[in-house]
């Protein structure tokens, strides 16, 4: 047996082990605790200017609302093509979509897997709307958000070109081009995917991929929906950057959105590391290092990293309340096993 496949199997087993993720997270948190004074950072955050915090919270609320629209417009488009218009289907009303998104934020914060919120929405809405439609809308909204993030990153890299150099601009632009290519491939998936071959291999897999491809084909027939999702996604990321900038101002740090537009996406990529739980500890450490190089003190950089972690907690708490209410009402209408899922169900999904 060749040593290369054996080494790859060992590497895959090590990176996929939950103990590796736990160890990586503990090491990352230990390094972060050694780098910054966490108790002092917590005290500083508790003394933040409430007016700036309120303004930041308002902008974050707009960013969350933009995320709902970014996802919902795609799901409603796919639902309309399958005879389930948003005006007739209760799951596709904007009120229900907003509630489902907030509940998914609760699952994302609570479960160690970064896809906990996506799994929750897929399980909850897939039976009525179609799992392929839900998965396609989630993938499309993620792509829309990534493209918006890279566009803001390109604008910031152009402004900071003298400081960052051309290399960073080229990397971010290449990432944007990659996202556009993925969008084009997804919109044409129904034309290029060999459904018959996949069905022969696995009927369930063939049907699932066909449903996914047909949902994206509906987006191709409704380009206005894609344009709306992209524009709203870009606007939402802009609101998020401004919210973080105002949050930094609340603790006495004058931090431009341009610095955040370059630094935050890098930390999100670090969160994908297979040897940590959601990048916990690693992304904060990387952000502290990046911000300190841009002129922010290590203490303030640590406070900003904690502020970013806490940014979505109020909305996750609201999602927990909505999920609890939905759970109680569903139990009163039907057996919980048929209608309502527990956090364990989402983790299993």
C-alpha atoms as a PDB file:
ATOM      1  CA  UNK A   1       0.000   0.000   0.000  1.00  0.00           C
ATOM      2  CA  UNK A   2       1.290   3.441  -0.922  1.00  0.00           C
ATOM      3  CA  UNK A   3       2.276   5.577   2.094  1.00  0.00           C
ATOM      4  CA  UNK A   4       0.590   8.657   0.610  1.00  0.00           C
ATOM      5  CA  UNK A   5      -3.040   7.407   0.858  1.00  0.00           C
ATOM      6  CA  UNK A   6      -2.316   6.078   4.339  1.00  0.00           C
ATOM      7  CA  UNK A   7      -0.961   9.466   5.420  1.00  0.00           C
ATOM      8  CA  UNK A   8      -4.011  11.196   3.919  1.00  0.00           C
ATOM      9  CA  UNK A   9      -6.355   8.857   5.808  1.00  0.00           C
ATOM     10  CA  UNK A  10      -4.511   9.526   9.061  1.00  0.00           C
ATOM     11  CA  UNK A  11      -4.616  13.287   8.430  1.00  0.00           C
ATOM     12  CA  UNK A  12      -8.344  13.134   7.643  1.00  0.00           C
ATOM     13  CA  UNK A  13      -9.020  11.113  10.782  1.00  0.00           C
ATOM     14  CA  UNK A  14      -7.032  13.519  12.948  1.00  0.00           C
ATOM     15  CA  UNK A  15      -8.605  16.708  11.550  1.00  0.00           C
ATOM     16  CA  UNK A  16     -12.086  15.175  11.697  1.00  0.00           C
ATOM     17  CA  UNK A  17     -11.783  14.086  15.309  1.00  0.00           C
ATOM     18  CA  UNK A  18     -13.836  16.086  17.822  1.00  0.00           C
ATOM     19  CA  UNK A  19     -10.912  15.865  20.235  1.00  0.00           C
ATOM     20  CA  UNK A  20      -8.760  17.712  17.705  1.00  0.00           C
ATOM     21  CA  UNK A  21     -11.330  20.506  17.524  1.00  0.00           C
ATOM     22  CA  UNK A  22     -11.588  20.716  21.305  1.00  0.00           C
ATOM     23  CA  UNK A  23      -7.798  20.747  21.689  1.00  0.00           C
ATOM     24  CA  UNK A  24      -7.395  23.416  19.000  1.00  0.00           C
ATOM     25  CA  UNK A  25     -10.063  25.553  20.636  1.00  0.00           C
ATOM     26  CA  UNK A  26      -8.474  25.229  24.091  1.00  0.00           C
ATOM     27  CA  UNK A  27      -5.042  26.124  22.701  1.00  0.00           C
ATOM     28  CA  UNK A  28      -6.489  29.109  20.825  1.00  0.00           C
ATOM     29  CA  UNK A  29      -8.280  30.376  23.917  1.00  0.00           C
ATOM     30  CA  UNK A  30      -5.140  29.896  26.013  1.00  0.00           C
ATOM     31  CA  UNK A  31      -3.078  31.946  23.570  1.00  0.00           C
ATOM     32  CA  UNK A  32      -5.782  34.611  23.478  1.00  0.00           C
ATOM     33  CA  UNK A  33      -5.947  34.751  27.287  1.00  0.00           C
ATOM     34  CA  UNK A  34      -2.167  35.089  27.404  1.00  0.00           C
ATOM     35  CA  UNK A  35      -2.209  37.869  24.805  1.00  0.00           C
ATOM     36  CA  UNK A  36      -4.959  40.066  26.241  1.00  0.00           C
ATOM     37  CA  UNK A  37      -6.268  40.774  29.722  1.00  0.00           C
ATOM     38  CA  UNK A  38      -9.772  39.359  29.396  1.00  0.00           C
ATOM     39  CA  UNK A  39     -11.101  40.614  32.786  1.00  0.00           C
ATOM     40  CA  UNK A  40      -9.873  44.096  31.951  1.00  0.00           C
ATOM     41  CA  UNK A  41     -11.435  43.866  28.497  1.00  0.00           C
ATOM     42  CA  UNK A  42     -14.770  42.835  30.020  1.00  0.00           C
ATOM     43  CA  UNK A  43     -14.631  45.783  32.430  1.00  0.00           C
ATOM     44  CA  UNK A  44     -13.856  48.143  29.544  1.00  0.00           C
ATOM     45  CA  UNK A  45     -16.794  46.814  27.529  1.00  0.00           C
ATOM     46  CA  UNK A  46     -19.093  47.272  30.519  1.00  0.00           C
ATOM     47  CA  UNK A  47     -18.126  50.960  30.545  1.00  0.00           C
ATOM     48  CA  UNK A  48     -18.806  51.469  26.830  1.00  0.00           C
ATOM     49  CA  UNK A  49     -20.762  54.545  25.753  1.00  0.00           C
ATOM     50  CA  UNK A  50     -24.423  53.414  25.696  1.00  0.00           C
ATOM     51  CA  UNK A  51     -25.342  55.830  22.883  1.00  0.00           C
ATOM     52  CA  UNK A  52     -22.716  54.412  20.533  1.00  0.00           C
ATOM     53  CA  UNK A  53     -23.684  50.884  21.553  1.00  0.00           C
ATOM     54  CA  UNK A  54     -27.351  51.653  20.803  1.00  0.00           C
ATOM     55  CA  UNK A  55     -26.391  53.019  17.379  1.00  0.00           C
ATOM     56  CA  UNK A  56     -24.287  49.935  16.681  1.00  0.00           C
ATOM     57  CA  UNK A  57     -27.150  47.685  17.772  1.00  0.00           C
ATOM     58  CA  UNK A  58     -29.513  49.525  15.429  1.00  0.00           C
ATOM     59  CA  UNK A  59     -27.167  48.997  12.483  1.00  0.00           C
ATOM     60  CA  UNK A  60     -26.737  45.343  13.432  1.00  0.00           C
ATOM     61  CA  UNK A  61     -30.527  45.023  13.397  1.00  0.00           C
ATOM     62  CA  UNK A  62     -30.536  46.373   9.832  1.00  0.00           C
ATOM     63  CA  UNK A  63     -27.810  43.855   8.921  1.00  0.00           C
ATOM     64  CA  UNK A  64     -29.905  40.995  10.330  1.00  0.00           C
ATOM     65  CA  UNK A  65     -32.982  42.241   8.446  1.00  0.00           C
ATOM     66  CA  UNK A  66     -30.903  42.366   5.263  1.00  0.00           C
ATOM     67  CA  UNK A  67     -29.828  38.756   5.835  1.00  0.00           C
ATOM     68  CA  UNK A  68     -33.470  37.712   6.128  1.00  0.00           C
ATOM     69  CA  UNK A  69     -34.325  39.410   2.816  1.00  0.00           C
ATOM     70  CA  UNK A  70     -31.151  38.087   1.162  1.00  0.00           C
ATOM     71  CA  UNK A  71     -32.234  34.526   1.980  1.00  0.00           C
ATOM     72  CA  UNK A  72     -36.003  34.947   1.825  1.00  0.00           C
ATOM     73  CA  UNK A  73     -36.198  36.417  -1.658  1.00  0.00           C
ATOM     74  CA  UNK A  74     -34.470  33.320  -3.058  1.00  0.00           C
ATOM     75  CA  UNK A  75     -36.625  30.874  -1.102  1.00  0.00           C
ATOM     76  CA  UNK A  76     -39.834  32.671  -2.111  1.00  0.00           C
ATOM     77  CA  UNK A  77     -38.716  32.613  -5.761  1.00  0.00           C
ATOM     78  CA  UNK A  78     -38.101  28.861  -5.668  1.00  0.00           C
ATOM     79  CA  UNK A  79     -41.366  28.344  -3.777  1.00  0.00           C
ATOM     80  CA  UNK A  80     -43.329  30.373  -6.320  1.00  0.00           C
ATOM     81  CA  UNK A  81     -42.044  28.253  -9.207  1.00  0.00           C
ATOM     82  CA  UNK A  82     -43.306  25.128  -7.408  1.00  0.00           C
ATOM     83  CA  UNK A  83     -46.766  26.619  -6.862  1.00  0.00           C
ATOM     84  CA  UNK A  84     -46.188  27.893  -3.301  1.00  0.00           C
ATOM     85  CA  UNK A  85     -46.322  31.688  -3.472  1.00  0.00           C
ATOM     86  CA  UNK A  86     -45.261  33.644  -0.442  1.00  0.00           C
ATOM     87  CA  UNK A  87     -48.701  35.160  -0.068  1.00  0.00           C
ATOM     88  CA  UNK A  88     -50.372  31.746   0.261  1.00  0.00           C
ATOM     89  CA  UNK A  89     -47.783  29.622   2.065  1.00  0.00           C
ATOM     90  CA  UNK A  90     -47.443  30.576   5.756  1.00  0.00           C
ATOM     91  CA  UNK A  91     -43.813  29.419   5.911  1.00  0.00           C
ATOM     92  CA  UNK A  92     -42.898  31.886   3.152  1.00  0.00           C
ATOM     93  CA  UNK A  93     -44.393  34.969   4.778  1.00  0.00           C
ATOM     94  CA  UNK A  94     -41.806  37.535   5.779  1.00  0.00           C
ATOM     95  CA  UNK A  95     -42.879  37.278   9.400  1.00  0.00           C
ATOM     96  CA  UNK A  96     -42.297  33.513   9.434  1.00  0.00           C
ATOM     97  CA  UNK A  97     -39.020  33.814   7.528  1.00  0.00           C
ATOM     98  CA  UNK A  98     -37.763  36.392  10.023  1.00  0.00           C
ATOM     99  CA  UNK A  99     -38.713  34.154  12.932  1.00  0.00           C
ATOM    100  CA  UNK A 100     -37.027  31.143  11.336  1.00  0.00           C
ATOM    101  CA  UNK A 101     -33.834  33.112  10.687  1.00  0.00           C
ATOM    102  CA  UNK A 102     -33.635  34.348  14.282  1.00  0.00           C
ATOM    103  CA  UNK A 103     -34.233  30.818  15.573  1.00  0.00           C
ATOM    104  CA  UNK A 104     -31.415  29.578  13.339  1.00  0.00           C
ATOM    105  CA  UNK A 105     -29.111  32.180  14.902  1.00  0.00           C
ATOM    106  CA  UNK A 106     -29.869  30.626  18.284  1.00  0.00           C
ATOM    107  CA  UNK A 107     -28.912  27.162  17.005  1.00  0.00           C
ATOM    108  CA  UNK A 108     -25.758  28.545  15.368  1.00  0.00           C
ATOM    109  CA  UNK A 109     -24.639  30.101  18.656  1.00  0.00           C
ATOM    110  CA  UNK A 110     -25.596  27.084  20.773  1.00  0.00           C
ATOM    111  CA  UNK A 111     -24.308  24.157  18.691  1.00  0.00           C
ATOM    112  CA  UNK A 112     -20.600  23.591  18.047  1.00  0.00           C
ATOM    113  CA  UNK A 113     -21.151  23.046  14.320  1.00  0.00           C
ATOM    114  CA  UNK A 114     -21.227  26.230  12.251  1.00  0.00           C
ATOM    115  CA  UNK A 115     -24.043  24.841  10.088  1.00  0.00           C
ATOM    116  CA  UNK A 116     -26.438  24.300  13.003  1.00  0.00           C
ATOM    117  CA  UNK A 117     -28.651  27.188  11.920  1.00  0.00           C
ATOM    118  CA  UNK A 118     -28.783  25.980   8.309  1.00  0.00           C
ATOM    119  CA  UNK A 119     -29.694  22.481   9.467  1.00  0.00           C
ATOM    120  CA  UNK A 120     -32.481  23.895  11.603  1.00  0.00           C
ATOM    121  CA  UNK A 121     -34.027  25.784   8.682  1.00  0.00           C
ATOM    122  CA  UNK A 122     -33.672  22.805   6.367  1.00  0.00           C
ATOM    123  CA  UNK A 123     -35.374  20.430   8.815  1.00  0.00           C
ATOM    124  CA  UNK A 124     -38.102  22.872   9.765  1.00  0.00           C
ATOM    125  CA  UNK A 125     -39.077  24.113   6.300  1.00  0.00           C
ATOM    126  CA  UNK A 126     -37.933  21.324   3.987  1.00  0.00           C
ATOM    127  CA  UNK A 127     -40.959  19.090   4.440  1.00  0.00           C
ATOM    128  CA  UNK A 128     -43.395  21.773   3.316  1.00  0.00           C
ATOM    129  CA  UNK A 129     -41.308  23.845   0.891  1.00  0.00           C
ATOM    130  CA  UNK A 130     -38.923  21.171  -0.390  1.00  0.00           C
ATOM    131  CA  UNK A 131     -35.463  20.370   0.941  1.00  0.00           C
ATOM    132  CA  UNK A 132     -33.859  21.223  -2.401  1.00  0.00           C
ATOM    133  CA  UNK A 133     -35.464  24.676  -2.401  1.00  0.00           C
ATOM    134  CA  UNK A 134     -34.323  25.386   1.155  1.00  0.00           C
ATOM    135  CA  UNK A 135     -30.759  24.172   0.569  1.00  0.00           C
ATOM    136  CA  UNK A 136     -30.480  26.156  -2.669  1.00  0.00           C
ATOM    137  CA  UNK A 137     -31.732  29.320  -0.962  1.00  0.00           C
ATOM    138  CA  UNK A 138     -29.220  28.839   1.859  1.00  0.00           C
ATOM    139  CA  UNK A 139     -26.367  28.283  -0.585  1.00  0.00           C
ATOM    140  CA  UNK A 140     -27.452  31.248  -2.687  1.00  0.00           C
ATOM    141  CA  UNK A 141     -27.713  33.564   0.307  1.00  0.00           C
ATOM    142  CA  UNK A 142     -24.270  32.491   1.508  1.00  0.00           C
ATOM    143  CA  UNK A 143     -22.844  33.226  -1.951  1.00  0.00           C
ATOM    144  CA  UNK A 144     -24.612  36.596  -2.017  1.00  0.00           C
ATOM    145  CA  UNK A 145     -23.164  37.461   1.381  1.00  0.00           C
ATOM    146  CA  UNK A 146     -19.676  36.386   0.332  1.00  0.00           C
ATOM    147  CA  UNK A 147     -19.847  38.463  -2.837  1.00  0.00           C
ATOM    148  CA  UNK A 148     -21.004  41.499  -0.870  1.00  0.00           C
ATOM    149  CA  UNK A 149     -18.207  40.937   1.637  1.00  0.00           C
ATOM    150  CA  UNK A 150     -15.568  40.720  -1.099  1.00  0.00           C
ATOM    151  CA  UNK A 151     -16.907  43.854  -2.829  1.00  0.00           C
ATOM    152  CA  UNK A 152     -16.518  45.845   0.390  1.00  0.00           C
ATOM    153  CA  UNK A 153     -13.099  44.237   0.830  1.00  0.00           C
ATOM    154  CA  UNK A 154     -12.036  45.336  -2.656  1.00  0.00           C
ATOM    155  CA  UNK A 155     -13.184  48.904  -1.966  1.00  0.00           C
ATOM    156  CA  UNK A 156     -11.260  48.941   1.323  1.00  0.00           C
ATOM    157  CA  UNK A 157      -8.140  47.415  -0.258  1.00  0.00           C
ATOM    158  CA  UNK A 158      -8.189  50.104  -2.954  1.00  0.00           C
ATOM    159  CA  UNK A 159      -8.397  52.848  -0.308  1.00  0.00           C
ATOM    160  CA  UNK A 160      -5.669  51.212   1.802  1.00  0.00           C
ATOM    161  CA  UNK A 161      -3.538  50.160  -1.158  1.00  0.00           C
ATOM    162  CA  UNK A 162      -0.559  52.240  -0.043  1.00  0.00           C
ATOM    163  CA  UNK A 163      -0.624  50.470   3.336  1.00  0.00           C
ATOM    164  CA  UNK A 164      -1.557  46.937   2.279  1.00  0.00           C
ATOM    165  CA  UNK A 165       0.076  46.734  -1.123  1.00  0.00           C
ATOM    166  CA  UNK A 166      -1.286  45.275  -4.342  1.00  0.00           C
ATOM    167  CA  UNK A 167      -1.133  41.660  -3.185  1.00  0.00           C
ATOM    168  CA  UNK A 168      -4.070  41.930  -0.785  1.00  0.00           C
ATOM    169  CA  UNK A 169      -6.179  43.641  -3.457  1.00  0.00           C
ATOM    170  CA  UNK A 170      -5.389  40.876  -5.947  1.00  0.00           C
ATOM    171  CA  UNK A 171      -6.285  38.146  -3.444  1.00  0.00           C
ATOM    172  CA  UNK A 172      -9.636  39.729  -2.545  1.00  0.00           C
ATOM    173  CA  UNK A 173     -10.443  40.379  -6.213  1.00  0.00           C
ATOM    174  CA  UNK A 174      -9.609  36.753  -7.032  1.00  0.00           C
ATOM    175  CA  UNK A 175     -11.939  35.615  -4.261  1.00  0.00           C
ATOM    176  CA  UNK A 176     -14.714  37.797  -5.723  1.00  0.00           C
ATOM    177  CA  UNK A 177     -14.134  36.307  -9.175  1.00  0.00           C
ATOM    178  CA  UNK A 178     -14.265  32.827  -7.657  1.00  0.00           C
ATOM    179  CA  UNK A 179     -17.631  33.568  -6.031  1.00  0.00           C
ATOM    180  CA  UNK A 180     -19.004  34.875  -9.352  1.00  0.00           C
ATOM    181  CA  UNK A 181     -17.830  31.710 -11.125  1.00  0.00           C
ATOM    182  CA  UNK A 182     -19.515  29.541  -8.486  1.00  0.00           C
ATOM    183  CA  UNK A 183     -22.715  31.572  -8.957  1.00  0.00           C
ATOM    184  CA  UNK A 184     -22.619  31.018 -12.734  1.00  0.00           C
ATOM    185  CA  UNK A 185     -22.008  27.291 -12.309  1.00  0.00           C
ATOM    186  CA  UNK A 186     -24.835  26.974  -9.777  1.00  0.00           C
ATOM    187  CA  UNK A 187     -27.287  28.841 -12.026  1.00  0.00           C
ATOM    188  CA  UNK A 188     -26.457  26.420 -14.855  1.00  0.00           C
ATOM    189  CA  UNK A 189     -26.355  23.282 -12.689  1.00  0.00           C
ATOM    190  CA  UNK A 190     -29.521  21.803 -14.223  1.00  0.00           C
ATOM    191  CA  UNK A 191     -27.845  21.886 -17.649  1.00  0.00           C
ATOM    192  CA  UNK A 192     -24.499  20.321 -16.752  1.00  0.00           C
ATOM    193  CA  UNK A 193     -25.164  17.848 -13.907  1.00  0.00           C
ATOM    194  CA  UNK A 194     -25.568  14.219 -15.162  1.00  0.00           C
ATOM    195  CA  UNK A 195     -28.790  13.458 -13.277  1.00  0.00           C
ATOM    196  CA  UNK A 196     -29.323  10.061 -14.919  1.00  0.00           C
ATOM    197  CA  UNK A 197     -25.869   8.848 -13.914  1.00  0.00           C
ATOM    198  CA  UNK A 198     -26.331  10.081 -10.358  1.00  0.00           C
ATOM    199  CA  UNK A 199     -29.764   8.451 -10.158  1.00  0.00           C
ATOM    200  CA  UNK A 200     -28.259   5.128 -11.211  1.00  0.00           C
ATOM    201  CA  UNK A 201     -25.679   5.416  -8.453  1.00  0.00           C
ATOM    202  CA  UNK A 202     -28.203   6.494  -5.823  1.00  0.00           C
ATOM    203  CA  UNK A 203     -31.831   7.336  -6.412  1.00  0.00           C
ATOM    204  CA  UNK A 204     -32.085   9.512  -3.318  1.00  0.00           C
ATOM    205  CA  UNK A 205     -28.913  11.421  -4.211  1.00  0.00           C
ATOM    206  CA  UNK A 206     -30.096  11.934  -7.778  1.00  0.00           C
ATOM    207  CA  UNK A 207     -33.464  13.283  -6.662  1.00  0.00           C
ATOM    208  CA  UNK A 208     -31.875  15.576  -4.078  1.00  0.00           C
ATOM    209  CA  UNK A 209     -29.351  17.053  -6.506  1.00  0.00           C
ATOM    210  CA  UNK A 210     -32.053  17.435  -9.179  1.00  0.00           C
ATOM    211  CA  UNK A 211     -34.221  19.367  -6.730  1.00  0.00           C
ATOM    212  CA  UNK A 212     -31.239  21.547  -5.802  1.00  0.00           C
ATOM    213  CA  UNK A 213     -30.421  22.233  -9.463  1.00  0.00           C
ATOM    214  CA  UNK A 214     -34.026  23.009 -10.355  1.00  0.00           C
ATOM    215  CA  UNK A 215     -34.181  25.585  -7.566  1.00  0.00           C
ATOM    216  CA  UNK A 216     -31.136  27.370  -8.993  1.00  0.00           C
ATOM    217  CA  UNK A 217     -32.637  27.171 -12.482  1.00  0.00           C
ATOM    218  CA  UNK A 218     -35.643  29.072 -11.129  1.00  0.00           C
ATOM    219  CA  UNK A 219     -33.225  31.804 -10.014  1.00  0.00           C
ATOM    220  CA  UNK A 220     -31.863  31.936 -13.572  1.00  0.00           C
ATOM    221  CA  UNK A 221     -35.395  32.505 -14.873  1.00  0.00           C
ATOM    222  CA  UNK A 222     -35.895  35.275 -12.297  1.00  0.00           C
ATOM    223  CA  UNK A 223     -32.677  37.355 -12.439  1.00  0.00           C
ATOM    224  CA  UNK A 224     -34.337  40.154 -10.475  1.00  0.00           C
ATOM    225  CA  UNK A 225     -34.440  37.848  -7.432  1.00  0.00           C
ATOM    226  CA  UNK A 226     -30.701  37.177  -7.701  1.00  0.00           C
ATOM    227  CA  UNK A 227     -30.016  40.895  -8.145  1.00  0.00           C
ATOM    228  CA  UNK A 228     -32.106  41.728  -5.080  1.00  0.00           C
ATOM    229  CA  UNK A 229     -30.308  39.113  -2.995  1.00  0.00           C
ATOM    230  CA  UNK A 230     -26.886  40.381  -4.104  1.00  0.00           C
ATOM    231  CA  UNK A 231     -27.696  44.044  -3.505  1.00  0.00           C
ATOM    232  CA  UNK A 232     -29.299  43.418  -0.127  1.00  0.00           C
ATOM    233  CA  UNK A 233     -26.401  41.148   0.857  1.00  0.00           C
ATOM    234  CA  UNK A 234     -23.889  43.897   0.018  1.00  0.00           C
ATOM    235  CA  UNK A 235     -25.953  46.477   1.930  1.00  0.00           C
ATOM    236  CA  UNK A 236     -26.210  44.138   4.926  1.00  0.00           C
ATOM    237  CA  UNK A 237     -22.446  43.668   5.078  1.00  0.00           C
ATOM    238  CA  UNK A 238     -22.030  47.450   4.905  1.00  0.00           C
ATOM    239  CA  UNK A 239     -24.396  47.861   7.864  1.00  0.00           C
ATOM    240  CA  UNK A 240     -22.395  45.236   9.739  1.00  0.00           C
ATOM    241  CA  UNK A 241     -19.082  47.008   9.130  1.00  0.00           C
ATOM    242  CA  UNK A 242     -20.513  50.343  10.263  1.00  0.00           C
ATOM    243  CA  UNK A 243     -21.990  48.682  13.344  1.00  0.00           C
ATOM    244  CA  UNK A 244     -18.590  47.282  14.302  1.00  0.00           C
ATOM    245  CA  UNK A 245     -16.962  50.654  13.682  1.00  0.00           C
ATOM    246  CA  UNK A 246     -19.477  52.348  16.002  1.00  0.00           C
ATOM    247  CA  UNK A 247     -19.001  49.587  18.564  1.00  0.00           C
ATOM    248  CA  UNK A 248     -15.269  50.297  18.550  1.00  0.00           C
ATOM    249  CA  UNK A 249     -15.982  53.995  18.982  1.00  0.00           C
ATOM    250  CA  UNK A 250     -18.086  53.121  22.056  1.00  0.00           C
ATOM    251  CA  UNK A 251     -14.919  51.910  23.810  1.00  0.00           C
ATOM    252  CA  UNK A 252     -12.850  54.871  22.626  1.00  0.00           C
ATOM    253  CA  UNK A 253     -11.257  53.384  19.480  1.00  0.00           C
ATOM    254  CA  UNK A 254     -11.447  55.263  16.181  1.00  0.00           C
ATOM    255  CA  UNK A 255     -11.510  52.287  13.819  1.00  0.00           C
ATOM    256  CA  UNK A 256     -12.345  52.795  10.152  1.00  0.00           C
ATOM    257  CA  UNK A 257     -14.664  50.439   8.298  1.00  0.00           C
ATOM    258  CA  UNK A 258     -11.896  49.937   5.729  1.00  0.00           C
ATOM    259  CA  UNK A 259      -9.691  48.142   8.249  1.00  0.00           C
ATOM    260  CA  UNK A 260     -12.589  45.950   9.344  1.00  0.00           C
ATOM    261  CA  UNK A 261     -13.554  45.189   5.724  1.00  0.00           C
ATOM    262  CA  UNK A 262     -10.123  43.618   5.227  1.00  0.00           C
ATOM    263  CA  UNK A 263      -9.557  42.037   8.650  1.00  0.00           C
ATOM    264  CA  UNK A 264     -12.944  40.488   9.453  1.00  0.00           C
ATOM    265  CA  UNK A 265     -13.192  38.316   6.283  1.00  0.00           C
ATOM    266  CA  UNK A 266      -9.776  36.840   7.108  1.00  0.00           C
ATOM    267  CA  UNK A 267     -11.015  35.848  10.558  1.00  0.00           C
ATOM    268  CA  UNK A 268     -14.084  34.235   8.966  1.00  0.00           C
ATOM    269  CA  UNK A 269     -11.781  32.101   6.823  1.00  0.00           C
ATOM    270  CA  UNK A 270      -9.880  31.090   9.966  1.00  0.00           C
ATOM    271  CA  UNK A 271     -13.204  29.968  11.461  1.00  0.00           C
ATOM    272  CA  UNK A 272     -13.289  27.242   8.783  1.00  0.00           C
ATOM    273  CA  UNK A 273     -10.170  25.605  10.227  1.00  0.00           C
ATOM    274  CA  UNK A 274     -10.865  21.885  10.874  1.00  0.00           C
ATOM    275  CA  UNK A 275      -8.915  21.860  14.154  1.00  0.00           C
ATOM    276  CA  UNK A 276     -11.119  24.240  16.133  1.00  0.00           C
ATOM    277  CA  UNK A 277     -14.808  24.584  17.059  1.00  0.00           C
ATOM    278  CA  UNK A 278     -16.059  27.378  14.780  1.00  0.00           C
ATOM    279  CA  UNK A 279     -12.558  28.871  14.949  1.00  0.00           C
ATOM    280  CA  UNK A 280     -13.179  29.860  18.580  1.00  0.00           C
ATOM    281  CA  UNK A 281     -10.023  31.345  20.030  1.00  0.00           C
ATOM    282  CA  UNK A 282      -8.229  31.260  16.673  1.00  0.00           C
ATOM    283  CA  UNK A 283     -10.311  33.922  14.939  1.00  0.00           C
ATOM    284  CA  UNK A 284     -10.047  36.247  17.941  1.00  0.00           C
ATOM    285  CA  UNK A 285      -6.278  35.785  18.066  1.00  0.00           C
ATOM    286  CA  UNK A 286      -5.911  36.451  14.342  1.00  0.00           C
ATOM    287  CA  UNK A 287      -8.104  39.551  14.583  1.00  0.00           C
ATOM    288  CA  UNK A 288      -6.048  40.886  17.500  1.00  0.00           C
ATOM    289  CA  UNK A 289      -2.870  40.376  15.483  1.00  0.00           C
ATOM    290  CA  UNK A 290      -4.299  42.093  12.396  1.00  0.00           C
ATOM    291  CA  UNK A 291      -5.742  45.042  14.294  1.00  0.00           C
ATOM    292  CA  UNK A 292      -2.542  45.542  16.293  1.00  0.00           C
ATOM    293  CA  UNK A 293      -0.590  45.760  13.020  1.00  0.00           C
ATOM    294  CA  UNK A 294      -3.002  48.457  11.833  1.00  0.00           C
ATOM    295  CA  UNK A 295      -2.174  50.633  14.840  1.00  0.00           C
ATOM    296  CA  UNK A 296      -4.767  49.481  17.403  1.00  0.00           C
ATOM    297  CA  UNK A 297      -3.400  48.602  20.829  1.00  0.00           C
ATOM    298  CA  UNK A 298      -3.488  44.928  21.831  1.00  0.00           C
ATOM    299  CA  UNK A 299      -5.883  45.712  24.693  1.00  0.00           C
ATOM    300  CA  UNK A 300      -8.334  47.535  22.444  1.00  0.00           C
ATOM    301  CA  UNK A 301      -7.962  44.886  19.742  1.00  0.00           C
ATOM    302  CA  UNK A 302      -8.922  42.223  22.288  1.00  0.00           C
ATOM    303  CA  UNK A 303     -11.962  44.247  23.338  1.00  0.00           C
ATOM    304  CA  UNK A 304     -13.052  44.612  19.714  1.00  0.00           C
ATOM    305  CA  UNK A 305     -12.691  40.870  19.133  1.00  0.00           C
ATOM    306  CA  UNK A 306     -14.925  40.193  22.133  1.00  0.00           C
ATOM    307  CA  UNK A 307     -17.372  42.819  20.878  1.00  0.00           C
ATOM    308  CA  UNK A 308     -17.632  41.004  17.539  1.00  0.00           C
ATOM    309  CA  UNK A 309     -18.338  37.725  19.349  1.00  0.00           C
ATOM    310  CA  UNK A 310     -21.095  39.399  21.381  1.00  0.00           C
ATOM    311  CA  UNK A 311     -22.598  41.302  18.455  1.00  0.00           C
ATOM    312  CA  UNK A 312     -25.227  38.716  17.514  1.00  0.00           C
ATOM    313  CA  UNK A 313     -25.949  37.394  21.005  1.00  0.00           C
ATOM    314  CA  UNK A 314     -29.047  39.604  21.583  1.00  0.00           C
ATOM    315  CA  UNK A 315     -30.593  38.328  18.354  1.00  0.00           C
ATOM    316  CA  UNK A 316     -29.709  34.735  19.239  1.00  0.00           C
ATOM    317  CA  UNK A 317     -31.463  35.220  22.597  1.00  0.00           C
ATOM    318  CA  UNK A 318     -34.525  36.535  20.760  1.00  0.00           C
ATOM    319  CA  UNK A 319     -34.322  33.482  18.500  1.00  0.00           C
ATOM    320  CA  UNK A 320     -34.269  31.225  21.578  1.00  0.00           C
ATOM    321  CA  UNK A 321     -37.458  32.881  22.834  1.00  0.00           C
ATOM    322  CA  UNK A 322     -39.138  32.444  19.441  1.00  0.00           C
ATOM    323  CA  UNK A 323     -38.050  28.799  19.237  1.00  0.00           C
ATOM    324  CA  UNK A 324     -39.425  28.127  22.724  1.00  0.00           C
ATOM    325  CA  UNK A 325     -42.772  29.709  21.804  1.00  0.00           C
ATOM    326  CA  UNK A 326     -42.887  27.777  18.529  1.00  0.00           C
ATOM    327  CA  UNK A 327     -42.080  24.561  20.380  1.00  0.00           C
ATOM    328  CA  UNK A 328     -44.884  25.068  22.899  1.00  0.00           C
ATOM    329  CA  UNK A 329     -47.477  25.932  20.231  1.00  0.00           C
ATOM    330  CA  UNK A 330     -46.444  22.968  18.089  1.00  0.00           C
ATOM    331  CA  UNK A 331     -46.756  20.595  21.045  1.00  0.00           C
ATOM    332  CA  UNK A 332     -50.302  21.820  21.557  1.00  0.00           C
ATOM    333  CA  UNK A 333     -51.210  21.168  17.905  1.00  0.00           C
ATOM    334  CA  UNK A 334     -49.464  17.886  17.123  1.00  0.00           C
ATOM    335  CA  UNK A 335     -47.028  15.317  18.538  1.00  0.00           C
ATOM    336  CA  UNK A 336     -43.650  16.949  19.017  1.00  0.00           C
ATOM    337  CA  UNK A 337     -41.908  14.161  17.137  1.00  0.00           C
ATOM    338  CA  UNK A 338     -43.721  15.111  13.957  1.00  0.00           C
ATOM    339  CA  UNK A 339     -43.549  18.882  14.075  1.00  0.00           C
ATOM    340  CA  UNK A 340     -40.904  20.155  16.459  1.00  0.00           C
ATOM    341  CA  UNK A 341     -37.256  19.287  16.672  1.00  0.00           C
ATOM    342  CA  UNK A 342     -34.945  19.553  19.608  1.00  0.00           C
ATOM    343  CA  UNK A 343     -31.383  20.905  19.551  1.00  0.00           C
ATOM    344  CA  UNK A 344     -30.218  17.292  19.444  1.00  0.00           C
ATOM    345  CA  UNK A 345     -32.228  16.757  16.230  1.00  0.00           C
ATOM    346  CA  UNK A 346     -30.505  19.722  14.613  1.00  0.00           C
ATOM    347  CA  UNK A 347     -27.087  18.470  15.703  1.00  0.00           C
ATOM    348  CA  UNK A 348     -27.856  15.081  14.187  1.00  0.00           C
ATOM    349  CA  UNK A 349     -29.006  16.696  10.943  1.00  0.00           C
END
